[in-house]
Amino acid sequence: MLNPFIIDQIKKREQEERRRGERQPVIELPLPMPAAPRPTSDEEESERGVYIIDLS
C-alpha cells in the first residue's frame, strides 16, 4: 500500500497535467472544400455521338 502523501502527490500531478492540456492553444487548419459533384442531365447524354470512320 502506498503512503497517503505519495497518493496526494500523484493526484496533484495528474490534475496539473489536465490543466496544462486544457490551456494549450489549438490551431485549426483550413481544409480544401470538397469538389461539388457534377450534375448529370439528359442533355449531356444526348450530346454524345458515335463517329464511324471507314478506312476501306
Protein backbone atom coordinates (compact mmCIF):
# COMPACT_ATOMS: atom_id res chain seq x y z
CA MET A 1 0.00 0.00 0.00
CA LEU A 2 1.24 3.47 -0.88
CA ASN A 3 1.79 6.20 1.63
CA PRO A 4 -1.10 8.78 1.66
CA PHE A 5 1.44 11.54 0.96
CA ILE A 6 2.52 9.80 -2.24
CA ILE A 7 -1.11 9.30 -3.33
CA ASP A 8 -1.79 13.01 -2.83
CA GLN A 9 1.29 13.94 -4.87
CA ILE A 10 0.21 11.66 -7.72
CA LYS A 11 -3.28 13.21 -7.72
CA LYS A 12 -1.82 16.73 -7.79
CA ARG A 13 0.44 15.88 -10.73
CA GLU A 14 -2.48 14.38 -12.66
CA GLN A 15 -4.57 17.50 -12.04
CA GLU A 16 -1.72 19.75 -13.21
CA GLU A 17 -1.32 17.71 -16.40
CA ARG A 18 -5.05 18.02 -17.11
CA ARG A 19 -4.93 21.80 -16.60
CA ARG A 20 -1.95 22.11 -18.94
CA GLY A 21 -3.79 20.14 -21.57
CA GLU A 22 -6.83 22.41 -21.32
CA ARG A 23 -4.76 25.61 -21.59
CA GLN A 24 -2.82 24.67 -24.70
CA PRO A 25 -4.00 26.56 -27.77
CA VAL A 26 -5.45 24.65 -30.67
CA ILE A 27 -4.90 25.66 -34.28
CA GLU A 28 -7.44 24.60 -36.86
CA LEU A 29 -6.03 24.23 -40.34
CA PRO A 30 -8.11 25.36 -43.30
CA LEU A 31 -9.10 22.33 -45.32
CA PRO A 32 -9.87 22.50 -49.03
CA MET A 33 -13.53 22.35 -49.91
CA PRO A 34 -14.61 19.07 -51.49
CA ALA A 35 -15.41 19.29 -55.18
CA ALA A 36 -19.10 19.51 -55.92
CA PRO A 37 -20.41 16.56 -57.88
CA ARG A 38 -21.25 17.36 -61.47
CA PRO A 39 -24.95 17.15 -62.09
CA THR A 40 -25.77 14.59 -64.71
CA SER A 41 -28.53 15.53 -67.02
CA ASP A 42 -30.17 14.08 -70.11
CA GLU A 43 -28.69 16.88 -72.22
CA GLU A 44 -25.15 15.67 -71.65
CA GLU A 45 -26.05 12.16 -72.70
CA SER A 46 -27.92 13.34 -75.79
CA GLU A 47 -24.90 15.37 -76.98
CA ARG A 48 -22.80 12.23 -77.20
CA GLY A 49 -22.38 10.65 -80.54
CA VAL A 50 -20.65 7.83 -82.36
CA TYR A 51 -18.23 8.50 -85.19
CA ILE A 52 -17.63 5.77 -87.71
CA ILE A 53 -14.54 6.07 -89.86
CA ASP A 54 -14.47 3.75 -92.83
CA LEU A 55 -10.86 3.01 -93.78
CA SER A 56 -11.63 0.60 -96.62
